C-alpha atoms as a PDB file:
ATOM      1  CA  MET A   1      76.198  38.899  61.233  1.00  0.00           C
ATOM      2  CA  TYR A   2      77.363  42.207  62.729  1.00  0.00           C
ATOM      3  CA  LEU A   3      80.967  41.786  61.532  1.00  0.00           C
ATOM      4  CA  TYR A   4      79.850  40.954  57.976  1.00  0.00           C
ATOM      5  CA  VAL A   5      77.682  44.078  57.863  1.00  0.00           C
ATOM      6  CA  LYS A   6      80.542  46.121  59.341  1.00  0.00           C
ATOM      7  CA  SER A   7      82.941  44.759  56.702  1.00  0.00           C
ATOM      8  CA  LEU A   8      80.537  45.686  53.902  1.00  0.00           C
ATOM      9  CA  HIS A   9      80.036  49.125  55.434  1.00  0.00           C
ATOM     10  CA  ILE A  10      83.801  49.755  55.464  1.00  0.00           C
ATOM     11  CA  ILE A  11      84.216  48.484  51.881  1.00  0.00           C
ATOM     12  CA  PHE A  12      81.493  50.786  50.548  1.00  0.00           C
ATOM     13  CA  VAL A  13      82.761  53.748  52.568  1.00  0.00           C
ATOM     14  CA  ILE A  14      86.135  53.238  50.863  1.00  0.00           C
ATOM     15  CA  THR A  15      84.608  53.039  47.367  1.00  0.00           C
ATOM     16  CA  TRP A  16      82.394  56.045  48.130  1.00  0.00           C
ATOM     17  CA  PHE A  17      85.403  58.140  49.128  1.00  0.00           C
ATOM     18  CA  ALA A  18      87.351  56.900  46.099  1.00  0.00           C
ATOM     19  CA  GLY A  19      84.492  58.033  43.872  1.00  0.00           C
ATOM     20  CA  LEU A  20      84.221  61.422  45.594  1.00  0.00           C
ATOM     21  CA  PHE A  21      87.964  62.039  45.372  1.00  0.00           C
ATOM     22  CA  TYR A  22      88.189  61.072  41.712  1.00  0.00           C
ATOM     23  CA  VAL A  23      84.984  62.667  40.446  1.00  0.00           C
ATOM     24  CA  VAL A  24      86.073  66.120  41.594  1.00  0.00           C
ATOM     25  CA  ARG A  25      89.430  65.577  39.846  1.00  0.00           C
ATOM     26  CA  LEU A  26      87.428  64.856  36.707  1.00  0.00           C
ATOM     27  CA  PHE A  27      85.443  68.066  37.322  1.00  0.00           C
ATOM     28  CA  ILE A  28      88.752  69.957  37.432  1.00  0.00           C
ATOM     29  CA  TYR A  29      89.910  68.348  34.182  1.00  0.00           C
ATOM     30  CA  GLN A  30      86.569  69.172  32.515  1.00  0.00           C
ATOM     31  CA  ILE A  31      86.794  72.800  33.591  1.00  0.00           C
ATOM     32  CA  GLU A  32      90.393  73.080  32.393  1.00  0.00           C
ATOM     33  CA  SER A  33      89.631  71.318  29.103  1.00  0.00           C
ATOM     34  CA  ASN A  34      86.924  73.912  28.445  1.00  0.00           C
ATOM     35  CA  GLU A  35      89.657  76.565  28.522  1.00  0.00           C
ATOM     36  CA  LYS A  36      91.600  74.991  25.636  1.00  0.00           C
ATOM     37  CA  PRO A  37      92.004  77.433  22.731  1.00  0.00           C
ATOM     38  CA  ASN A  38      91.511  74.762  20.043  1.00  0.00           C
ATOM     39  CA  LEU A  39      87.748  74.200  19.685  1.00  0.00           C
ATOM     40  CA  GLU A  40      88.036  70.624  18.388  1.00  0.00           C
ATOM     41  CA  GLU A  41      90.429  69.641  21.171  1.00  0.00           C
ATOM     42  CA  ARG A  42      88.124  71.317  23.689  1.00  0.00           C
ATOM     43  CA  ARG A  43      85.070  69.430  22.403  1.00  0.00           C
ATOM     44  CA  ILE A  44      86.791  66.041  22.336  1.00  0.00           C
ATOM     45  CA  LEU A  45      88.237  66.440  25.825  1.00  0.00           C
ATOM     46  CA  THR A  46      85.102  67.808  27.466  1.00  0.00           C
ATOM     47  CA  ASP A  47      82.923  65.099  25.884  1.00  0.00           C
ATOM     48  CA  GLN A  48      85.287  62.297  26.941  1.00  0.00           C
ATOM     49  CA  LEU A  49      85.659  63.668  30.470  1.00  0.00           C
ATOM     50  CA  ALA A  50      81.877  64.109  30.754  1.00  0.00           C
ATOM     51  CA  LEU A  51      81.423  60.440  29.793  1.00  0.00           C
ATOM     52  CA  MET A  52      84.061  59.288  32.289  1.00  0.00           C
ATOM     53  CA  THR A  53      82.461  61.424  34.993  1.00  0.00           C
ATOM     54  CA  LYS A  54      78.995  60.058  34.240  1.00  0.00           C
ATOM     55  CA  ARG A  55      80.172  56.462  34.502  1.00  0.00           C
ATOM     56  CA  LEU A  56      82.077  57.057  37.735  1.00  0.00           C
ATOM     57  CA  TRP A  57      79.226  59.018  39.300  1.00  0.00           C
ATOM     58  CA  THR A  58      76.381  56.679  38.352  1.00  0.00           C
ATOM     59  CA  ILE A  59      78.110  53.285  38.504  1.00  0.00           C
ATOM     60  CA  ILE A  60      80.440  53.704  41.493  1.00  0.00           C
ATOM     61  CA  THR A  61      79.922  56.838  43.577  1.00  0.00           C
ATOM     62  CA  TRP A  62      76.124  56.948  43.993  1.00  0.00           C
ATOM     63  CA  PRO A  63      75.713  53.197  44.595  1.00  0.00           C
ATOM     64  CA  SER A  64      78.623  53.260  47.073  1.00  0.00           C
ATOM     65  CA  MET A  65      77.025  56.120  49.014  1.00  0.00           C
ATOM     66  CA  ILE A  66      73.698  54.305  49.147  1.00  0.00           C
ATOM     67  CA  LEU A  67      75.268  51.004  50.222  1.00  0.00           C
ATOM     68  CA  ALA A  68      77.624  52.592  52.783  1.00  0.00           C
ATOM     69  CA  THR A  69      74.666  54.425  54.306  1.00  0.00           C
ATOM     70  CA  THR A  70      72.448  51.335  54.238  1.00  0.00           C
ATOM     71  CA  PHE A  71      75.062  49.169  55.944  1.00  0.00           C
ATOM     72  CA  GLY A  72      75.808  51.969  58.427  1.00  0.00           C
ATOM     73  CA  ILE A  73      72.142  52.193  59.394  1.00  0.00           C
ATOM     74  CA  SER A  74      72.057  48.396  59.643  1.00  0.00           C
ATOM     75  CA  LEU A  75      74.949  48.533  62.121  1.00  0.00           C
ATOM     76  CA  LEU A  76      72.996  50.990  64.258  1.00  0.00           C
ATOM     77  CA  VAL A  77      69.916  48.766  64.118  1.00  0.00           C
ATOM     78  CA  LEU A  78      72.005  45.725  65.125  1.00  0.00           C
ATOM     79  CA  ASN A  79      73.735  47.673  67.912  1.00  0.00           C
ATOM     80  CA  PRO A  80      71.523  50.613  68.986  1.00  0.00           C
ATOM     81  CA  ALA A  81      73.696  51.219  72.064  1.00  0.00           C
ATOM     82  CA  LEU A  82      76.127  52.998  69.715  1.00  0.00           C
ATOM     83  CA  LEU A  83      73.665  55.892  69.561  1.00  0.00           C
ATOM     84  CA  SER A  84      74.234  56.614  73.248  1.00  0.00           C
ATOM     85  CA  GLN A  85      77.940  57.277  72.686  1.00  0.00           C
ATOM     86  CA  ASN A  86      79.035  60.856  72.033  1.00  0.00           C
ATOM     87  CA  TRP A  87      81.697  59.906  69.500  1.00  0.00           C
ATOM     88  CA  MET A  88      79.066  58.109  67.393  1.00  0.00           C
ATOM     89  CA  LEU A  89      76.766  61.129  67.411  1.00  0.00           C
ATOM     90  CA  LEU A  90      79.662  63.313  66.279  1.00  0.00           C
ATOM     91  CA  LYS A  91      80.563  60.743  63.612  1.00  0.00           C
ATOM     92  CA  LEU A  92      76.977  60.824  62.348  1.00  0.00           C
ATOM     93  CA  GLY A  93      77.288  64.603  62.108  1.00  0.00           C
ATOM     94  CA  PHE A  94      80.313  64.141  59.847  1.00  0.00           C
ATOM     95  CA  VAL A  95      78.375  61.559  57.812  1.00  0.00           C
ATOM     96  CA  VAL A  96      75.539  64.062  57.299  1.00  0.00           C
ATOM     97  CA  SER A  97      78.173  66.611  56.200  1.00  0.00           C
ATOM     98  CA  LEU A  98      79.601  64.090  53.733  1.00  0.00           C
ATOM     99  CA  ILE A  99      76.144  63.386  52.332  1.00  0.00           C
ATOM    100  CA  GLY A 100      75.682  67.154  51.933  1.00  0.00           C
ATOM    101  CA  TYR A 101      79.023  67.311  50.107  1.00  0.00           C
ATOM    102  CA  HIS A 102      77.891  64.431  47.889  1.00  0.00           C
ATOM    103  CA  LEU A 103      74.624  66.187  47.048  1.00  0.00           C
ATOM    104  CA  TYR A 104      76.421  69.452  46.280  1.00  0.00           C
ATOM    105  CA  SER A 105      78.832  67.485  44.073  1.00  0.00           C
ATOM    106  CA  HIS A 106      75.785  66.158  42.254  1.00  0.00           C
ATOM    107  CA  ARG A 107      74.712  69.734  41.520  1.00  0.00           C
ATOM    108  CA  VAL A 108      78.198  70.441  40.131  1.00  0.00           C
ATOM    109  CA  TYR A 109      78.012  67.204  38.122  1.00  0.00           C
ATOM    110  CA  ASN A 110      74.661  68.201  36.604  1.00  0.00           C
ATOM    111  CA  ARG A 111      75.960  71.639  35.629  1.00  0.00           C
ATOM    112  CA  LEU A 112      79.096  70.232  34.025  1.00  0.00           C
ATOM    113  CA  GLN A 113      77.082  67.597  32.150  1.00  0.00           C
ATOM    114  CA  GLN A 114      75.114  70.521  30.673  1.00  0.00           C
ATOM    115  CA  LYS A 115      78.419  72.260  29.844  1.00  0.00           C
ATOM    116  CA  ASP A 116      77.656  74.979  32.366  1.00  0.00           C
ATOM    117  CA  PHE A 117      81.158  75.881  33.558  1.00  0.00           C
ATOM    118  CA  ILE A 118      80.500  78.231  36.464  1.00  0.00           C
ATOM    119  CA  TYR A 119      83.215  76.946  38.794  1.00  0.00           C
ATOM    120  CA  SER A 120      86.946  77.594  38.509  1.00  0.00           C
ATOM    121  CA  SER A 121      89.471  74.781  38.710  1.00  0.00           C
ATOM    122  CA  ASN A 122      90.972  76.503  41.769  1.00  0.00           C
ATOM    123  CA  PHE A 123      87.603  76.446  43.542  1.00  0.00           C
ATOM    124  CA  MET A 124      87.231  72.746  42.709  1.00  0.00           C
ATOM    125  CA  ARG A 125      90.737  72.000  44.043  1.00  0.00           C
ATOM    126  CA  LEU A 126      89.765  73.518  47.384  1.00  0.00           C
ATOM    127  CA  PHE A 127      86.356  71.826  47.245  1.00  0.00           C
ATOM    128  CA  ASN A 128      88.138  68.497  46.700  1.00  0.00           C
ATOM    129  CA  GLU A 129      89.798  68.777  50.130  1.00  0.00           C
ATOM    130  CA  ILE A 130      86.523  68.720  52.078  1.00  0.00           C
ATOM    131  CA  PRO A 131      86.113  64.913  51.999  1.00  0.00           C
ATOM    132  CA  THR A 132      89.760  64.548  53.031  1.00  0.00           C
ATOM    133  CA  LEU A 133      89.073  66.569  56.167  1.00  0.00           C
ATOM    134  CA  ILE A 134      85.909  64.573  56.870  1.00  0.00           C
ATOM    135  CA  LEU A 135      87.764  61.290  56.336  1.00  0.00           C
ATOM    136  CA  PHE A 136      90.554  62.245  58.748  1.00  0.00           C
ATOM    137  CA  SER A 137      88.005  63.431  61.307  1.00  0.00           C
ATOM    138  CA  VAL A 138      85.919  60.267  61.174  1.00  0.00           C
ATOM    139  CA  VAL A 139      88.861  57.860  61.264  1.00  0.00           C
ATOM    140  CA  PHE A 140      90.453  59.582  64.261  1.00  0.00           C
ATOM    141  CA  LEU A 141      87.083  59.859  65.981  1.00  0.00           C
ATOM    142  CA  VAL A 142      86.229  56.174  65.490  1.00  0.00           C
ATOM    143  CA  ILE A 143      89.669  54.978  66.597  1.00  0.00           C
ATOM    144  CA  LEU A 144      90.277  57.366  69.506  1.00  0.00           C
ATOM    145  CA  LYS A 145      86.705  57.764  70.807  1.00  0.00           C
ATOM    146  CA  ASN A 146      87.511  59.643  74.028  1.00  0.00           C
ATOM    147  CA  SER A 147      87.512  63.417  74.298  1.00  0.00           C
ATOM    148  CA  PHE A 148      91.113  63.892  75.462  1.00  0.00           C
ATOM    149  CA  ASP A 149      92.455  62.143  72.372  1.00  0.00           C
ATOM    150  CA  TRP A 150      89.894  64.010  70.289  1.00  0.00           C
ATOM    151  CA  ILE A 151      91.549  67.321  71.267  1.00  0.00           C
ATOM    152  CA  TYR A 152      94.750  66.081  69.654  1.00  0.00           C
ATOM    153  CA  GLY A 153      92.679  65.023  66.657  1.00  0.00           C
ATOM    154  CA  VAL A 154      91.247  68.528  66.262  1.00  0.00           C
ATOM    155  CA  ILE A 155      94.737  70.038  66.488  1.00  0.00           C
ATOM    156  CA  GLY A 156      95.904  67.523  63.885  1.00  0.00           C
ATOM    157  CA  LEU A 157      92.933  68.321  61.665  1.00  0.00           C
ATOM    158  CA  LEU A 158      93.657  72.037  61.815  1.00  0.00           C
ATOM    159  CA  THR A 159      97.299  71.343  61.001  1.00  0.00           C
ATOM    160  CA  LEU A 160      96.229  69.146  58.081  1.00  0.00           C
ATOM    161  CA  SER A 161      93.846  71.856  56.823  1.00  0.00           C
ATOM    162  CA  ILE A 162      96.547  74.504  56.901  1.00  0.00           C
ATOM    163  CA  SER A 163      98.986  72.137  55.191  1.00  0.00           C
ATOM    164  CA  LEU A 164      96.471  71.353  52.434  1.00  0.00           C
ATOM    165  CA  MET A 165      95.779  75.038  51.812  1.00  0.00           C
ATOM    166  CA  LEU A 166      99.488  75.831  51.653  1.00  0.00           C
ATOM    167  CA  GLY A 167     100.046  72.854  49.351  1.00  0.00           C
ATOM    168  CA  ILE A 168      97.350  74.082  46.980  1.00  0.00           C
ATOM    169  CA  LYS A 169      98.843  77.588  46.907  1.00  0.00           C
ATOM    170  CA  ILE A 170     102.335  76.214  46.233  1.00  0.00           C
ATOM    171  CA  TYR A 171     100.983  73.899  43.515  1.00  0.00           C
ATOM    172  CA  LYS A 172      99.176  76.839  41.892  1.00  0.00           C
ATOM    173  CA  ARG A 173     102.386  78.895  41.819  1.00  0.00           C
ATOM    174  CA  ILE A 174     104.331  76.001  40.305  1.00  0.00           C
ATOM    175  CA  ARG A 175     101.665  75.507  37.612  1.00  0.00           C
ATOM    176  CA  GLU A 176     101.687  79.196  36.715  1.00  0.00           C
ATOM    177  CA  LYS A 177     105.452  79.240  36.047  1.00  0.00           C
END
């Protein structure tokens, strides 16, 4: 039973991350479509992107978060000894952070559905990197588990963060040319 629950947990974690990664891309496209000079083009694009975002958010992302969390809790119920391991407690901290990110994304979603464009596309590009950092952290933490290897993971995470920030700056310069 445990391995079936674990398999379902992993599947829904993957679909949850896929939804989080893509929905913020759709946020970026919505924000940028609102900046189109042609009013008809702007309306058509923002309406279509709002519909796509709504379907992704309500049909894939929210259910995936709920199921990933449910199966994760089930794993802890089936194997409560996991809660005595430091790496698991740290992983749960990252999970809480990801749920916070999800809830904040829901606030952004609600604002964009109401055509309240308060965020810039550059802000959303940076915002979109948060789940990447959480994903890397959790995967390395779950695989490596011990603290010595975790030090290398933190160094790698910092390197990844710096690389992502530089990549975004370079991409912005290329787009502006």
